[in-house]
Amino acid sequence: MLYSFLIYSAEGIHGRLSPEEQKLAFKRHRLLQEKLDERGTFASARLMPVSNAVTLKPTVDQDQKTLVTDGPFADTKEQFVGFYVAEFSNLDEAINMADMISTPYHSIEVRPVSWSRGMLSNLKDD
C-alpha cells in the first residue's frame, strides 16, 4: 500500500537551526531517500514558503472566474513543508521509515494513500 509522510514545521525553522542541526537534517533525508530508492519508486518534495503560494477559490456563479488569492493563510503555527510517497507493506513499516527523519522541530503525519497517478501509479493495488 502507498503511504505518505506529510511533514509539518514552523515556516523558516530550517534557517534558524545551527549548521550542525541543518547538516543532520539533510543527512537523515538523504539516508531515507537512499533507502526508498533501493526499495523502488518514490516521490518527495520540499515545498517553497507559503508566501510564494496562491489559493484558488471557486465561485458559486459558474459565469464568474475562479478567485485567486495570496496564501494560504492557515490559523496555525505549523505549515505543510514537504512530503514523501512510497509503498510499504504495512503501517508499522511506514512508521519505521518515517522515523528516520524525525526531529524535535517538526512533525510527520503518516497516512495511507488511496490512489495515485503518474510515476507511482504502477505501485497502486487495483
PDB file of N, CA and C in Angstrom:
ATOM      1  N   MET A   1       0.837  -1.178   0.000  1.00  0.00           N
ATOM      2  CA  MET A   1       0.000   0.000   0.000  1.00  0.00           C
ATOM      3  C   MET A   1       0.883   1.244   0.000  1.00  0.00           C
ATOM      4  N   LEU A   2       0.399   2.278  -0.677  1.00  0.00           N
ATOM      5  CA  LEU A   2       1.114   3.553  -0.668  1.00  0.00           C
ATOM      6  C   LEU A   2       0.829   4.302   0.625  1.00  0.00           C
ATOM      7  N   TYR A   3       1.884   4.896   1.162  1.00  0.00           N
ATOM      8  CA  TYR A   3       1.764   5.755   2.343  1.00  0.00           C
ATOM      9  C   TYR A   3       2.451   7.078   2.050  1.00  0.00           C
ATOM     10  N   SER A   4       1.912   8.132   2.635  1.00  0.00           N
ATOM     11  CA  SER A   4       2.548   9.443   2.522  1.00  0.00           C
ATOM     12  C   SER A   4       3.110   9.840   3.880  1.00  0.00           C
ATOM     13  N   PHE A   5       4.212  10.546   3.839  1.00  0.00           N
ATOM     14  CA  PHE A   5       4.781  11.182   5.022  1.00  0.00           C
ATOM     15  C   PHE A   5       4.582  12.672   4.804  1.00  0.00           C
ATOM     16  N   LEU A   6       3.674  13.281   5.526  1.00  0.00           N
ATOM     17  CA  LEU A   6       3.386  14.700   5.397  1.00  0.00           C
ATOM     18  C   LEU A   6       4.145  15.427   6.501  1.00  0.00           C
ATOM     19  N   ILE A   7       5.025  16.319   6.117  1.00  0.00           N
ATOM     20  CA  ILE A   7       5.942  16.948   7.066  1.00  0.00           C
ATOM     21  C   ILE A   7       5.467  18.367   7.368  1.00  0.00           C
ATOM     22  N   TYR A   8       5.340  18.660   8.655  1.00  0.00           N
ATOM     23  CA  TYR A   8       4.885  19.972   9.123  1.00  0.00           C
ATOM     24  C   TYR A   8       5.926  20.565  10.056  1.00  0.00           C
ATOM     25  N   SER A   9       6.132  21.860   9.945  1.00  0.00           N
ATOM     26  CA  SER A   9       7.000  22.553  10.901  1.00  0.00           C
ATOM     27  C   SER A   9       6.706  24.040  10.838  1.00  0.00           C
ATOM     28  N   ALA A  10       7.282  24.775  11.765  1.00  0.00           N
ATOM     29  CA  ALA A  10       7.173  26.230  11.714  1.00  0.00           C
ATOM     30  C   ALA A  10       7.913  26.696  10.469  1.00  0.00           C
ATOM     31  N   GLU A  11       7.271  27.547   9.688  1.00  0.00           N
ATOM     32  CA  GLU A  11       7.902  28.012   8.454  1.00  0.00           C
ATOM     33  C   GLU A  11       9.215  28.719   8.777  1.00  0.00           C
ATOM     34  N   GLY A  12      10.238  28.400   8.003  1.00  0.00           N
ATOM     35  CA  GLY A  12      11.546  29.019   8.177  1.00  0.00           C
ATOM     36  C   GLY A  12      12.384  28.415   9.292  1.00  0.00           C
ATOM     37  N   ILE A  13      11.910  27.337   9.914  1.00  0.00           N
ATOM     38  CA  ILE A  13      12.636  26.745  11.041  1.00  0.00           C
ATOM     39  C   ILE A  13      14.022  26.278  10.622  1.00  0.00           C
ATOM     40  N   HIS A  14      14.158  25.761   9.415  1.00  0.00           N
ATOM     41  CA  HIS A  14      15.451  25.224   8.989  1.00  0.00           C
ATOM     42  C   HIS A  14      16.533  26.308   9.040  1.00  0.00           C
ATOM     43  N   GLY A  15      16.194  27.502   8.622  1.00  0.00           N
ATOM     44  CA  GLY A  15      17.164  28.601   8.634  1.00  0.00           C
ATOM     45  C   GLY A  15      17.548  29.052  10.030  1.00  0.00           C
ATOM     46  N   ARG A  16      16.739  28.696  11.016  1.00  0.00           N
ATOM     47  CA  ARG A  16      17.038  29.079  12.400  1.00  0.00           C
ATOM     48  C   ARG A  16      17.814  28.002  13.158  1.00  0.00           C
ATOM     49  N   LEU A  17      18.056  26.872  12.495  1.00  0.00           N
ATOM     50  CA  LEU A  17      18.812  25.798  13.137  1.00  0.00           C
ATOM     51  C   LEU A  17      20.307  26.083  13.030  1.00  0.00           C
ATOM     52  N   SER A  18      21.060  25.490  13.926  1.00  0.00           N
ATOM     53  CA  SER A  18      22.516  25.615  13.858  1.00  0.00           C
ATOM     54  C   SER A  18      23.017  24.878  12.612  1.00  0.00           C
ATOM     55  N   PRO A  19      24.207  25.203  12.121  1.00  0.00           N
ATOM     56  CA  PRO A  19      24.747  24.474  10.972  1.00  0.00           C
ATOM     57  C   PRO A  19      24.819  22.967  11.203  1.00  0.00           C
ATOM     58  N   GLU A  20      25.123  22.555  12.435  1.00  0.00           N
ATOM     59  CA  GLU A  20      25.192  21.119  12.748  1.00  0.00           C
ATOM     60  C   GLU A  20      23.816  20.474  12.639  1.00  0.00           C
ATOM     61  N   GLU A  21      22.776  21.168  13.155  1.00  0.00           N
ATOM     62  CA  GLU A  21      21.424  20.623  13.084  1.00  0.00           C
ATOM     63  C   GLU A  21      20.948  20.557  11.627  1.00  0.00           C
ATOM     64  N   GLN A  22      21.300  21.552  10.825  1.00  0.00           N
ATOM     65  CA  GLN A  22      20.934  21.535   9.407  1.00  0.00           C
ATOM     66  C   GLN A  22      21.593  20.360   8.687  1.00  0.00           C
ATOM     67  N   LYS A  23      22.888  20.151   8.959  1.00  0.00           N
ATOM     68  CA  LYS A  23      23.606  19.026   8.339  1.00  0.00           C
ATOM     69  C   LYS A  23      22.960  17.699   8.709  1.00  0.00           C
ATOM     70  N   LEU A  24      22.613  17.547   9.985  1.00  0.00           N
ATOM     71  CA  LEU A  24      21.994  16.305  10.447  1.00  0.00           C
ATOM     72  C   LEU A  24      20.647  16.089   9.765  1.00  0.00           C
ATOM     73  N   ALA A  25      19.856  17.134   9.627  1.00  0.00           N
ATOM     74  CA  ALA A  25      18.550  17.011   8.968  1.00  0.00           C
ATOM     75  C   ALA A  25      18.725  16.563   7.521  1.00  0.00           C
ATOM     76  N   PHE A  26      19.640  17.202   6.783  1.00  0.00           N
ATOM     77  CA  PHE A  26      19.875  16.808   5.396  1.00  0.00           C
ATOM     78  C   PHE A  26      20.415  15.386   5.315  1.00  0.00           C
ATOM     79  N   LYS A  27      21.267  15.012   6.252  1.00  0.00           N
ATOM     80  CA  LYS A  27      21.826  13.657   6.263  1.00  0.00           C
ATOM     81  C   LYS A  27      20.714  12.622   6.442  1.00  0.00           C
ATOM     82  N   ARG A  28      19.782  12.903   7.354  1.00  0.00           N
ATOM     83  CA  ARG A  28      18.670  11.975   7.586  1.00  0.00           C
ATOM     84  C   ARG A  28      17.789  11.846   6.342  1.00  0.00           C
ATOM     85  N   HIS A  29      17.526  12.974   5.670  1.00  0.00           N
ATOM     86  CA  HIS A  29      16.705  12.918   4.462  1.00  0.00           C
ATOM     87  C   HIS A  29      17.426  12.166   3.351  1.00  0.00           C
ATOM     88  N   ARG A  30      18.724  12.389   3.200  1.00  0.00           N
ATOM     89  CA  ARG A  30      19.484  11.651   2.176  1.00  0.00           C
ATOM     90  C   ARG A  30      19.452  10.151   2.462  1.00  0.00           C
ATOM     91  N   LEU A  31      19.596   9.774   3.727  1.00  0.00           N
ATOM     92  CA  LEU A  31      19.565   8.354   4.094  1.00  0.00           C
ATOM     93  C   LEU A  31      18.194   7.750   3.785  1.00  0.00           C
ATOM     94  N   LEU A  32      17.136   8.452   4.156  1.00  0.00           N
ATOM     95  CA  LEU A  32      15.792   7.963   3.846  1.00  0.00           C
ATOM     96  C   LEU A  32      15.619   7.828   2.333  1.00  0.00           C
ATOM     97  N   GLN A  33      16.035   8.826   1.569  1.00  0.00           N
ATOM     98  CA  GLN A  33      15.898   8.775   0.116  1.00  0.00           C
ATOM     99  C   GLN A  33      16.686   7.620  -0.488  1.00  0.00           C
ATOM    100  N   GLU A  34      17.876   7.343   0.035  1.00  0.00           N
ATOM    101  CA  GLU A  34      18.656   6.193  -0.443  1.00  0.00           C
ATOM    102  C   GLU A  34      17.914   4.889  -0.174  1.00  0.00           C
ATOM    103  N   LYS A  35      17.361   4.750   1.029  1.00  0.00           N
ATOM    104  CA  LYS A  35      16.629   3.524   1.388  1.00  0.00           C
ATOM    105  C   LYS A  35      15.379   3.371   0.527  1.00  0.00           C
ATOM    106  N   LEU A  36      14.648   4.480   0.308  1.00  0.00           N
ATOM    107  CA  LEU A  36      13.454   4.415  -0.525  1.00  0.00           C
ATOM    108  C   LEU A  36      13.821   4.093  -1.970  1.00  0.00           C
ATOM    109  N   ASP A  37      14.920   4.649  -2.448  1.00  0.00           N
ATOM    110  CA  ASP A  37      15.372   4.389  -3.814  1.00  0.00           C
ATOM    111  C   ASP A  37      15.722   2.913  -4.002  1.00  0.00           C
ATOM    112  N   GLU A  38      16.330   2.301  -2.989  1.00  0.00           N
ATOM    113  CA  GLU A  38      16.659   0.875  -3.041  1.00  0.00           C
ATOM    114  C   GLU A  38      15.396   0.021  -3.140  1.00  0.00           C
ATOM    115  N   ARG A  39      14.308   0.492  -2.544  1.00  0.00           N
ATOM    116  CA  ARG A  39      13.055  -0.248  -2.500  1.00  0.00           C
ATOM    117  C   ARG A  39      12.255  -0.120  -3.794  1.00  0.00           C
ATOM    118  N   GLY A  40      12.484   0.947  -4.553  1.00  0.00           N
ATOM    119  CA  GLY A  40      11.713   1.170  -5.776  1.00  0.00           C
ATOM    120  C   GLY A  40      11.389   2.640  -5.969  1.00  0.00           C
ATOM    121  N   THR A  41      10.272   2.882  -6.621  1.00  0.00           N
ATOM    122  CA  THR A  41       9.854   4.232  -6.964  1.00  0.00           C
ATOM    123  C   THR A  41       9.283   4.945  -5.742  1.00  0.00           C
ATOM    124  N   PHE A  42       9.635   6.217  -5.609  1.00  0.00           N
ATOM    125  CA  PHE A  42       9.043   7.047  -4.569  1.00  0.00           C
ATOM    126  C   PHE A  42       8.994   8.476  -5.086  1.00  0.00           C
ATOM    127  N   ALA A  43       8.259   9.317  -4.378  1.00  0.00           N
ATOM    128  CA  ALA A  43       8.198  10.737  -4.709  1.00  0.00           C
ATOM    129  C   ALA A  43       8.460  11.531  -3.446  1.00  0.00           C
ATOM    130  N   SER A  44       9.091  12.675  -3.608  1.00  0.00           N
ATOM    131  CA  SER A  44       9.288  13.572  -2.476  1.00  0.00           C
ATOM    132  C   SER A  44       9.340  14.996  -2.995  1.00  0.00           C
ATOM    133  N   ALA A  45       9.029  15.934  -2.117  1.00  0.00           N
ATOM    134  CA  ALA A  45       9.089  17.347  -2.484  1.00  0.00           C
ATOM    135  C   ALA A  45       9.262  18.183  -1.230  1.00  0.00           C
ATOM    136  N   ARG A  46      10.044  19.234  -1.377  1.00  0.00           N
ATOM    137  CA  ARG A  46      10.172  20.242  -0.328  1.00  0.00           C
ATOM    138  C   ARG A  46       9.426  21.463  -0.851  1.00  0.00           C
ATOM    139  N   LEU A  47       8.411  21.874  -0.132  1.00  0.00           N
ATOM    140  CA  LEU A  47       7.580  22.974  -0.586  1.00  0.00           C
ATOM    141  C   LEU A  47       8.242  24.319  -0.310  1.00  0.00           C
ATOM    142  N   MET A  48       8.029  25.249  -1.204  1.00  0.00           N
ATOM    143  CA  MET A  48       8.502  26.616  -1.016  1.00  0.00           C
ATOM    144  C   MET A  48       7.632  27.284   0.042  1.00  0.00           C
ATOM    145  N   PRO A  49       8.073  28.422   0.604  1.00  0.00           N
ATOM    146  CA  PRO A  49       7.280  29.108   1.636  1.00  0.00           C
ATOM    147  C   PRO A  49       5.881  29.483   1.147  1.00  0.00           C
ATOM    148  N   VAL A  50       4.933  29.552   2.088  1.00  0.00           N
ATOM    149  CA  VAL A  50       3.561  29.905   1.717  1.00  0.00           C
ATOM    150  C   VAL A  50       3.481  31.309   1.125  1.00  0.00           C
ATOM    151  N   SER A  51       4.477  32.136   1.350  1.00  0.00           N
ATOM    152  CA  SER A  51       4.477  33.472   0.737  1.00  0.00           C
ATOM    153  C   SER A  51       4.573  33.384  -0.782  1.00  0.00           C
ATOM    154  N   ASN A  52       4.972  32.241  -1.321  1.00  0.00           N
ATOM    155  CA  ASN A  52       5.047  32.025  -2.766  1.00  0.00           C
ATOM    156  C   ASN A  52       3.790  31.365  -3.322  1.00  0.00           C
ATOM    157  N   ALA A  53       2.837  31.043  -2.462  1.00  0.00           N
ATOM    158  CA  ALA A  53       1.664  30.270  -2.866  1.00  0.00           C
ATOM    159  C   ALA A  53       0.471  31.173  -3.178  1.00  0.00           C
ATOM    160  N   VAL A  54      -0.449  30.621  -3.931  1.00  0.00           N
ATOM    161  CA  VAL A  54      -1.752  31.228  -4.145  1.00  0.00           C
ATOM    162  C   VAL A  54      -2.801  30.162  -3.883  1.00  0.00           C
ATOM    163  N   THR A  55      -4.013  30.598  -3.571  1.00  0.00           N
ATOM    164  CA  THR A  55      -5.124  29.688  -3.331  1.00  0.00           C
ATOM    165  C   THR A  55      -6.229  29.992  -4.324  1.00  0.00           C
ATOM    166  N   LEU A  56      -6.765  28.953  -4.941  1.00  0.00           N
ATOM    167  CA  LEU A  56      -7.894  29.104  -5.855  1.00  0.00           C
ATOM    168  C   LEU A  56      -9.176  28.896  -5.077  1.00  0.00           C
ATOM    169  N   LYS A  57     -10.095  29.852  -5.201  1.00  0.00           N
ATOM    170  CA  LYS A  57     -11.387  29.750  -4.526  1.00  0.00           C
ATOM    171  C   LYS A  57     -12.474  29.826  -5.584  1.00  0.00           C
ATOM    172  N   PRO A  58     -13.144  28.703  -5.833  1.00  0.00           N
ATOM    173  CA  PRO A  58     -14.187  28.709  -6.853  1.00  0.00           C
ATOM    174  C   PRO A  58     -15.367  29.573  -6.420  1.00  0.00           C
ATOM    175  N   THR A  59     -16.041  30.130  -7.397  1.00  0.00           N
ATOM    176  CA  THR A  59     -17.223  30.937  -7.120  1.00  0.00           C
ATOM    177  C   THR A  59     -18.464  30.082  -7.309  1.00  0.00           C
ATOM    178  N   VAL A  60     -19.554  30.509  -6.708  1.00  0.00           N
ATOM    179  CA  VAL A  60     -20.815  29.782  -6.854  1.00  0.00           C
ATOM    180  C   VAL A  60     -21.369  29.979  -8.264  1.00  0.00           C
ATOM    181  N   ASP A  61     -21.193  31.175  -8.791  1.00  0.00           N
ATOM    182  CA  ASP A  61     -21.673  31.509 -10.132  1.00  0.00           C
ATOM    183  C   ASP A  61     -20.676  30.986 -11.166  1.00  0.00           C
ATOM    184  N   GLN A  62     -21.108  30.056 -11.996  1.00  0.00           N
ATOM    185  CA  GLN A  62     -20.214  29.449 -12.978  1.00  0.00           C
ATOM    186  C   GLN A  62     -19.747  30.430 -14.044  1.00  0.00           C
ATOM    187  N   ASP A  63     -20.419  31.569 -14.174  1.00  0.00           N
ATOM    188  CA  ASP A  63     -20.009  32.581 -15.149  1.00  0.00           C
ATOM    189  C   ASP A  63     -18.857  33.443 -14.634  1.00  0.00           C
ATOM    190  N   GLN A  64     -18.595  33.397 -13.353  1.00  0.00           N
ATOM    191  CA  GLN A  64     -17.508  34.184 -12.776  1.00  0.00           C
ATOM    192  C   GLN A  64     -16.219  33.369 -12.776  1.00  0.00           C
ATOM    193  N   LYS A  65     -15.105  34.076 -12.902  1.00  0.00           N
ATOM    194  CA  LYS A  65     -13.805  33.411 -12.867  1.00  0.00           C
ATOM    195  C   LYS A  65     -13.488  32.964 -11.438  1.00  0.00           C
ATOM    196  N   THR A  66     -12.696  31.919 -11.327  1.00  0.00           N
ATOM    197  CA  THR A  66     -12.213  31.457 -10.032  1.00  0.00           C
ATOM    198  C   THR A  66     -11.373  32.563  -9.399  1.00  0.00           C
ATOM    199  N   LEU A  67     -11.570  32.801  -8.131  1.00  0.00           N
ATOM    200  CA  LEU A  67     -10.827  33.820  -7.406  1.00  0.00           C
ATOM    201  C   LEU A  67      -9.452  33.270  -7.026  1.00  0.00           C
ATOM    202  N   VAL A  68      -8.408  33.999  -7.331  1.00  0.00           N
ATOM    203  CA  VAL A  68      -7.044  33.614  -6.979  1.00  0.00           C
ATOM    204  C   VAL A  68      -6.560  34.586  -5.918  1.00  0.00           C
ATOM    205  N   THR A  69      -6.203  34.053  -4.731  1.00  0.00           N
ATOM    206  CA  THR A  69      -5.772  34.899  -3.624  1.00  0.00           C
ATOM    207  C   THR A  69      -4.369  34.508  -3.174  1.00  0.00           C
ATOM    208  N   ASP A  70      -3.686  35.431  -2.511  1.00  0.00           N
ATOM    209  CA  ASP A  70      -2.408  35.099  -1.883  1.00  0.00           C
ATOM    210  C   ASP A  70      -2.684  34.110  -0.766  1.00  0.00           C
ATOM    211  N   GLY A  71      -1.685  33.342  -0.443  1.00  0.00           N
ATOM    212  CA  GLY A  71      -1.871  32.460   0.713  1.00  0.00           C
ATOM    213  C   GLY A  71      -1.584  31.025   0.362  1.00  0.00           C
ATOM    214  N   PRO A  72      -1.841  30.127   1.197  1.00  0.00           N
ATOM    215  CA  PRO A  72      -2.903  30.046   2.192  1.00  0.00           C
ATOM    216  C   PRO A  72      -2.584  30.809   3.473  1.00  0.00           C
ATOM    217  N   PHE A  73      -3.617  31.130   4.188  1.00  0.00           N
ATOM    218  CA  PHE A  73      -3.466  31.777   5.481  1.00  0.00           C
ATOM    219  C   PHE A  73      -4.114  30.886   6.525  1.00  0.00           C
ATOM    220  N   ALA A  74      -3.366  29.936   6.998  1.00  0.00           N
ATOM    221  CA  ALA A  74      -3.866  28.982   7.987  1.00  0.00           C
ATOM    222  C   ALA A  74      -3.709  29.564   9.383  1.00  0.00           C
ATOM    223  N   ASP A  75      -4.652  29.240  10.233  1.00  0.00           N
ATOM    224  CA  ASP A  75      -4.588  29.689  11.624  1.00  0.00           C
ATOM    225  C   ASP A  75      -3.799  28.673  12.442  1.00  0.00           C
ATOM    226  N   THR A  76      -2.562  28.483  12.084  1.00  0.00           N
ATOM    227  CA  THR A  76      -1.725  27.501  12.759  1.00  0.00           C
ATOM    228  C   THR A  76      -0.274  27.949  12.707  1.00  0.00           C
ATOM    229  N   LYS A  77       0.510  27.480  13.651  1.00  0.00           N
ATOM    230  CA  LYS A  77       1.931  27.807  13.641  1.00  0.00           C
ATOM    231  C   LYS A  77       2.715  26.841  12.766  1.00  0.00           C
ATOM    232  N   GLU A  78       2.155  25.639  12.582  1.00  0.00           N
ATOM    233  CA  GLU A  78       2.821  24.657  11.733  1.00  0.00           C
ATOM    234  C   GLU A  78       2.332  24.797  10.301  1.00  0.00           C
ATOM    235  N   GLN A  79       3.253  24.659   9.369  1.00  0.00           N
ATOM    236  CA  GLN A  79       2.942  24.721   7.947  1.00  0.00           C
ATOM    237  C   GLN A  79       3.321  23.391   7.303  1.00  0.00           C
ATOM    238  N   PHE A  80       2.614  23.035   6.247  1.00  0.00           N
ATOM    239  CA  PHE A  80       2.934  21.851   5.456  1.00  0.00           C
ATOM    240  C   PHE A  80       4.158  22.210   4.619  1.00  0.00           C
ATOM    241  N   VAL A  81       5.301  21.547   4.874  1.00  0.00           N
ATOM    242  CA  VAL A  81       6.559  21.945   4.230  1.00  0.00           C
ATOM    243  C   VAL A  81       7.119  20.921   3.248  1.00  0.00           C
ATOM    244  N   GLY A  82       6.589  19.701   3.242  1.00  0.00           N
ATOM    245  CA  GLY A  82       7.101  18.709   2.309  1.00  0.00           C
ATOM    246  C   GLY A  82       6.440  17.362   2.497  1.00  0.00           C
ATOM    247  N   PHE A  83       6.776  16.442   1.585  1.00  0.00           N
ATOM    248  CA  PHE A  83       6.175  15.114   1.683  1.00  0.00           C
ATOM    249  C   PHE A  83       7.018  14.065   0.978  1.00  0.00           C
ATOM    250  N   TYR A  84       6.741  12.827   1.322  1.00  0.00           N
ATOM    251  CA  TYR A  84       7.248  11.636   0.636  1.00  0.00           C
ATOM    252  C   TYR A  84       6.038  10.755   0.345  1.00  0.00           C
ATOM    253  N   VAL A  85       6.105   9.976  -0.710  1.00  0.00           N
ATOM    254  CA  VAL A  85       5.112   8.943  -1.001  1.00  0.00           C
ATOM    255  C   VAL A  85       5.875   7.717  -1.477  1.00  0.00           C
ATOM    256  N   ALA A  86       5.588   6.571  -0.856  1.00  0.00           N
ATOM    257  CA  ALA A  86       6.247   5.324  -1.237  1.00  0.00           C
ATOM    258  C   ALA A  86       5.373   4.152  -0.819  1.00  0.00           C
ATOM    259  N   GLU A  87       5.709   2.985  -1.329  1.00  0.00           N
ATOM    260  CA  GLU A  87       4.960   1.786  -0.996  1.00  0.00           C
ATOM    261  C   GLU A  87       5.602   1.075   0.193  1.00  0.00           C
ATOM    262  N   PHE A  88       4.737   0.639   1.112  1.00  0.00           N
ATOM    263  CA  PHE A  88       5.173  -0.125   2.279  1.00  0.00           C
ATOM    264  C   PHE A  88       4.193  -1.269   2.485  1.00  0.00           C
ATOM    265  N   SER A  89       4.652  -2.335   3.117  1.00  0.00           N
ATOM    266  CA  SER A  89       3.784  -3.492   3.317  1.00  0.00           C
ATOM    267  C   SER A  89       2.716  -3.248   4.377  1.00  0.00           C
ATOM    268  N   ASN A  90       2.998  -2.333   5.324  1.00  0.00           N
ATOM    269  CA  ASN A  90       2.010  -2.040   6.359  1.00  0.00           C
ATOM    270  C   ASN A  90       2.364  -0.715   7.060  1.00  0.00           C
ATOM    271  N   LEU A  91       1.485  -0.285   7.925  1.00  0.00           N
ATOM    272  CA  LEU A  91       1.672   0.992   8.629  1.00  0.00           C
ATOM    273  C   LEU A  91       2.923   0.989   9.490  1.00  0.00           C
ATOM    274  N   ASP A  92       3.199  -0.114  10.163  1.00  0.00           N
ATOM    275  CA  ASP A  92       4.389  -0.179  11.019  1.00  0.00           C
ATOM    276  C   ASP A  92       5.674   0.037  10.225  1.00  0.00           C
ATOM    277  N   GLU A  93       5.755  -0.556   9.039  1.00  0.00           N
ATOM    278  CA  GLU A  93       6.933  -0.367   8.196  1.00  0.00           C
ATOM    279  C   GLU A  93       7.053   1.098   7.766  1.00  0.00           C
ATOM    280  N   ALA A  94       5.931   1.714   7.411  1.00  0.00           N
ATOM    281  CA  ALA A  94       5.944   3.125   7.017  1.00  0.00           C
ATOM    282  C   ALA A  94       6.390   4.008   8.183  1.00  0.00           C
ATOM    283  N   ILE A  95       5.890   3.716   9.372  1.00  0.00           N
ATOM    284  CA  ILE A  95       6.272   4.497  10.567  1.00  0.00           C
ATOM    285  C   ILE A  95       7.764   4.362  10.832  1.00  0.00           C
ATOM    286  N   ASN A  96       8.297   3.153  10.722  1.00  0.00           N
ATOM    287  CA  ASN A  96       9.736   2.955  10.955  1.00  0.00           C
ATOM    288  C   ASN A  96      10.579   3.756   9.973  1.00  0.00           C
ATOM    289  N   MET A  97      10.161   3.823   8.718  1.00  0.00           N
ATOM    290  CA  MET A  97      10.908   4.608   7.732  1.00  0.00           C
ATOM    291  C   MET A  97      10.754   6.100   7.995  1.00  0.00           C
ATOM    292  N   ALA A  98       9.561   6.543   8.317  1.00  0.00           N
ATOM    293  CA  ALA A  98       9.336   7.964   8.588  1.00  0.00           C
ATOM    294  C   ALA A  98      10.141   8.414   9.804  1.00  0.00           C
ATOM    295  N   ASP A  99      10.336   7.525  10.755  1.00  0.00           N
ATOM    296  CA  ASP A  99      11.084   7.859  11.967  1.00  0.00           C
ATOM    297  C   ASP A  99      12.542   8.206  11.657  1.00  0.00           C
ATOM    298  N   MET A 100      13.033   7.813  10.495  1.00  0.00           N
ATOM    299  CA  MET A 100      14.413   8.125  10.118  1.00  0.00           C
ATOM    300  C   MET A 100      14.635   9.638   9.998  1.00  0.00           C
ATOM    301  N   ILE A 101      13.571  10.388   9.704  1.00  0.00           N
ATOM    302  CA  ILE A 101      13.708  11.838   9.550  1.00  0.00           C
ATOM    303  C   ILE A 101      13.039  12.601  10.687  1.00  0.00           C
ATOM    304  N   SER A 102      12.680  11.896  11.738  1.00  0.00           N
ATOM    305  CA  SER A 102      12.034  12.522  12.889  1.00  0.00           C
ATOM    306  C   SER A 102      13.011  13.434  13.638  1.00  0.00           C
ATOM    307  N   THR A 103      12.552  14.630  13.968  1.00  0.00           N
ATOM    308  CA  THR A 103      13.338  15.590  14.740  1.00  0.00           C
ATOM    309  C   THR A 103      12.414  16.311  15.710  1.00  0.00           C
ATOM    310  N   PRO A 104      12.968  17.000  16.694  1.00  0.00           N
ATOM    311  CA  PRO A 104      12.118  17.714  17.643  1.00  0.00           C
ATOM    312  C   PRO A 104      11.471  18.978  17.073  1.00  0.00           C
ATOM    313  N   TYR A 105      11.874  19.435  15.886  1.00  0.00           N
ATOM    314  CA  TYR A 105      11.346  20.705  15.366  1.00  0.00           C
ATOM    315  C   TYR A 105      10.360  20.551  14.224  1.00  0.00           C
ATOM    316  N   HIS A 106       9.873  19.350  13.989  1.00  0.00           N
ATOM    317  CA  HIS A 106       8.780  19.180  13.035  1.00  0.00           C
ATOM    318  C   HIS A 106       7.991  17.919  13.384  1.00  0.00           C
ATOM    319  N   SER A 107       6.820  17.776  12.773  1.00  0.00           N
ATOM    320  CA  SER A 107       6.023  16.566  12.970  1.00  0.00           C
ATOM    321  C   SER A 107       5.780  15.919  11.616  1.00  0.00           C
ATOM    322  N   ILE A 108       5.564  14.620  11.650  1.00  0.00           N
ATOM    323  CA  ILE A 108       5.348  13.846  10.428  1.00  0.00           C
ATOM    324  C   ILE A 108       4.040  13.080  10.576  1.00  0.00           C
ATOM    325  N   GLU A 109       3.142  13.321   9.655  1.00  0.00           N
ATOM    326  CA  GLU A 109       1.891  12.571   9.605  1.00  0.00           C
ATOM    327  C   GLU A 109       2.075  11.446   8.597  1.00  0.00           C
ATOM    328  N   VAL A 110       1.854  10.207   9.014  1.00  0.00           N
ATOM    329  CA  VAL A 110       1.940   9.047   8.122  1.00  0.00           C
ATOM    330  C   VAL A 110       0.506   8.660   7.779  1.00  0.00           C
ATOM    331  N   ARG A 111       0.187   8.705   6.473  1.00  0.00           N
ATOM    332  CA  ARG A 111      -1.201   8.477   6.060  1.00  0.00           C
ATOM    333  C   ARG A 111      -1.249   7.594   4.818  1.00  0.00           C
ATOM    334  N   PRO A 112      -2.138   6.579   4.802  1.00  0.00           N
ATOM    335  CA  PRO A 112      -2.302   5.767   3.595  1.00  0.00           C
ATOM    336  C   PRO A 112      -2.806   6.623   2.439  1.00  0.00           C
ATOM    337  N   VAL A 113      -2.411   6.255   1.226  1.00  0.00           N
ATOM    338  CA  VAL A 113      -2.843   6.930   0.008  1.00  0.00           C
ATOM    339  C   VAL A 113      -3.758   5.972  -0.735  1.00  0.00           C
ATOM    340  N   SER A 114      -4.965   6.421  -1.071  1.00  0.00           N
ATOM    341  CA  SER A 114      -5.929   5.506  -1.682  1.00  0.00           C
ATOM    342  C   SER A 114      -5.749   5.371  -3.187  1.00  0.00           C
ATOM    343  N   TRP A 115      -5.128   6.333  -3.856  1.00  0.00           N
ATOM    344  CA  TRP A 115      -4.882   6.235  -5.292  1.00  0.00           C
ATOM    345  C   TRP A 115      -3.785   7.199  -5.683  1.00  0.00           C
ATOM    346  N   SER A 116      -3.204   6.955  -6.836  1.00  0.00           N
ATOM    347  CA  SER A 116      -2.219   7.878  -7.384  1.00  0.00           C
ATOM    348  C   SER A 116      -2.191   7.723  -8.892  1.00  0.00           C
ATOM    349  N   ARG A 117      -1.658   8.715  -9.544  1.00  0.00           N
ATOM    350  CA  ARG A 117      -1.435   8.683 -10.987  1.00  0.00           C
ATOM    351  C   ARG A 117       0.003   9.106 -11.225  1.00  0.00           C
ATOM    352  N   GLY A 118       0.495   8.857 -12.397  1.00  0.00           N
ATOM    353  CA  GLY A 118       1.840   9.281 -12.705  1.00  0.00           C
ATOM    354  C   GLY A 118       2.852   8.220 -12.333  1.00  0.00           C
ATOM    355  N   MET A 119       4.025   8.673 -11.880  1.00  0.00           N
ATOM    356  CA  MET A 119       5.127   7.742 -11.686  1.00  0.00           C
ATOM    357  C   MET A 119       4.876   6.697 -10.613  1.00  0.00           C
ATOM    358  N   LEU A 120       3.965   6.936  -9.683  1.00  0.00           N
ATOM    359  CA  LEU A 120       3.692   5.944  -8.648  1.00  0.00           C
ATOM    360  C   LEU A 120       2.490   5.063  -8.970  1.00  0.00           C
ATOM    361  N   SER A 121       1.796   5.333 -10.063  1.00  0.00           N
ATOM    362  CA  SER A 121       0.582   4.589 -10.356  1.00  0.00           C
ATOM    363  C   SER A 121       0.836   3.096 -10.574  1.00  0.00           C
ATOM    364  N   ASN A 122       2.063   2.729 -10.978  1.00  0.00           N
ATOM    365  CA  ASN A 122       2.358   1.307 -11.161  1.00  0.00           C
ATOM    366  C   ASN A 122       2.446   0.567  -9.834  1.00  0.00           C
ATOM    367  N   LEU A 123       2.523   1.284  -8.719  1.00  0.00           N
ATOM    368  CA  LEU A 123       2.598   0.653  -7.406  1.00  0.00           C
ATOM    369  C   LEU A 123       1.223   0.392  -6.817  1.00  0.00           C
ATOM    370  N   LYS A 124       0.215   1.067  -7.319  1.00  0.00           N
ATOM    371  CA  LYS A 124      -1.119   1.024  -6.728  1.00  0.00           C
ATOM    372  C   LYS A 124      -1.752  -0.350  -6.912  1.00  0.00           C
ATOM    373  N   ASP A 125      -2.372  -0.854  -5.835  1.00  0.00           N
ATOM    374  CA  ASP A 125      -3.146  -2.102  -5.910  1.00  0.00           C
ATOM    375  C   ASP A 125      -4.520  -1.759  -6.451  1.00  0.00           C
ATOM    376  N   ASP A 126      -4.993  -2.469  -7.461  1.00  0.00           N
ATOM    377  CA  ASP A 126      -6.332  -2.205  -8.015  1.00  0.00           C
ATOM    378  C   ASP A 126      -7.374  -3.080  -7.375  1.00  0.00           C
TER     379      ASP A 126
END
